C-alpha atoms as a PDB file:
ATOM      1  CA  MET A   1       0.000   0.000   0.000  1.00  0.00           C
ATOM      2  CA  TYR A   2       1.316   3.420  -0.927  1.00  0.00           C
ATOM      3  CA  LYS A   3       1.435   5.874   1.987  1.00  0.00           C
ATOM      4  CA  LEU A   4       1.834   9.641   1.908  1.00  0.00           C
ATOM      5  CA  PRO A   5       2.886  11.585   4.986  1.00  0.00           C
ATOM      6  CA  LEU A   6       0.488  14.337   6.065  1.00  0.00           C
ATOM      7  CA  MET A   7       1.492  17.958   5.739  1.00  0.00           C
ATOM      8  CA  SER A   8       1.658  20.165   8.823  1.00  0.00           C
ATOM      9  CA  ASP A   9      -1.653  21.938   8.047  1.00  0.00           C
ATOM     10  CA  GLU A  10      -3.359  18.556   7.580  1.00  0.00           C
ATOM     11  CA  LEU A  11      -1.944  17.348  10.881  1.00  0.00           C
ATOM     12  CA  SER A  12      -3.202  20.448  12.687  1.00  0.00           C
ATOM     13  CA  SER A  13      -6.722  19.982  11.281  1.00  0.00           C
ATOM     14  CA  ILE A  14      -7.143  16.539  12.880  1.00  0.00           C
ATOM     15  CA  LYS A  15      -9.507  16.745  15.857  1.00  0.00           C
ATOM     16  CA  CYS A  16      -9.752  13.937  18.377  1.00  0.00           C
ATOM     17  CA  GLY A  17     -12.183  13.368  21.199  1.00  0.00           C
ATOM     18  CA  GLU A  18     -15.330  12.249  19.392  1.00  0.00           C
ATOM     19  CA  ALA A  19     -15.073   8.726  20.771  1.00  0.00           C
ATOM     20  CA  ILE A  20     -14.661  10.012  24.322  1.00  0.00           C
ATOM     21  CA  THR A  21     -17.684  12.279  23.919  1.00  0.00           C
ATOM     22  CA  LEU A  22     -19.801   9.473  22.492  1.00  0.00           C
ATOM     23  CA  ALA A  23     -18.789   7.136  25.311  1.00  0.00           C
ATOM     24  CA  ALA A  24     -19.624   9.779  27.922  1.00  0.00           C
ATOM     25  CA  VAL A  25     -23.064  10.452  26.437  1.00  0.00           C
ATOM     26  CA  MET A  26     -23.856   6.742  26.185  1.00  0.00           C
ATOM     27  CA  SER A  27     -22.756   6.099  29.773  1.00  0.00           C
ATOM     28  CA  VAL A  28     -24.999   8.920  31.034  1.00  0.00           C
ATOM     29  CA  LEU A  29     -27.934   7.457  29.089  1.00  0.00           C
ATOM     30  CA  VAL A  30     -27.318   3.963  30.477  1.00  0.00           C
ATOM     31  CA  ILE A  31     -27.124   5.306  34.032  1.00  0.00           C
ATOM     32  CA  ALA A  32     -30.378   7.223  33.516  1.00  0.00           C
ATOM     33  CA  ILE A  33     -32.196   4.151  32.176  1.00  0.00           C
ATOM     34  CA  ILE A  34     -30.965   1.960  35.028  1.00  0.00           C
ATOM     35  CA  THR A  35     -32.007   4.627  37.544  1.00  0.00           C
ATOM     36  CA  VAL A  36     -35.535   4.760  36.118  1.00  0.00           C
ATOM     37  CA  VAL A  37     -35.860   0.963  36.153  1.00  0.00           C
ATOM     38  CA  VAL A  38     -34.625   0.681  39.755  1.00  0.00           C
ATOM     39  CA  TYR A  39     -36.907   3.542  40.870  1.00  0.00           C
ATOM     40  CA  LYS A  40     -39.883   1.873  39.212  1.00  0.00           C
ATOM     41  CA  LEU A  41     -39.116  -1.431  40.921  1.00  0.00           C
ATOM     42  CA  TYR A  42     -38.631   0.063  44.391  1.00  0.00           C
ATOM     43  CA  SER A  43     -41.412   2.670  44.320  1.00  0.00           C
ATOM     44  CA  SER A  44     -44.271   0.206  43.976  1.00  0.00           C
ATOM     45  CA  SER A  45     -45.174  -2.691  46.209  1.00  0.00           C
ATOM     46  CA  ASP A  46     -45.559  -5.085  43.279  1.00  0.00           C
ATOM     47  CA  GLY A  47     -43.472  -3.624  40.478  1.00  0.00           C
ATOM     48  CA  THR A  48     -42.804  -5.151  37.112  1.00  0.00           C
ATOM     49  CA  VAL A  49     -40.579  -3.897  34.335  1.00  0.00           C
ATOM     50  CA  GLN A  50     -40.637  -5.249  30.796  1.00  0.00           C
ATOM     51  CA  LEU A  51     -37.784  -4.342  28.488  1.00  0.00           C
ATOM     52  CA  PRO A  52     -37.521  -4.946  24.753  1.00  0.00           C
ATOM     53  CA  GLY A  53     -36.100  -8.328  23.894  1.00  0.00           C
ATOM     54  CA  GLY A  54     -38.255 -10.285  26.328  1.00  0.00           C
ATOM     55  CA  TYR A  55     -36.542  -9.214  29.558  1.00  0.00           C
ATOM     56  CA  LYS A  56     -38.898  -8.999  32.503  1.00  0.00           C
ATOM     57  CA  PHE A  57     -38.126  -8.025  36.091  1.00  0.00           C
ATOM     58  CA  GLN A  58     -40.535  -8.371  39.014  1.00  0.00           C
ATOM     59  CA  TRP A  59     -40.409  -7.023  42.537  1.00  0.00           C
ATOM     60  CA  LYS A  60     -42.642  -8.879  45.011  1.00  0.00           C
END
């Protein structure tokens, strides 16, 4: 494979950090979903939670 080195202006235009931002946003969303599920289970005396994919949790 033929490789060309990048010029200095091309090197300075490279921005990193998108993967870290995406991981941070996804982790916040996962924590929020888990918090809602746990709150729903503990707030009711007989709670049930059904998630997509056939997952079902019950609190008796």
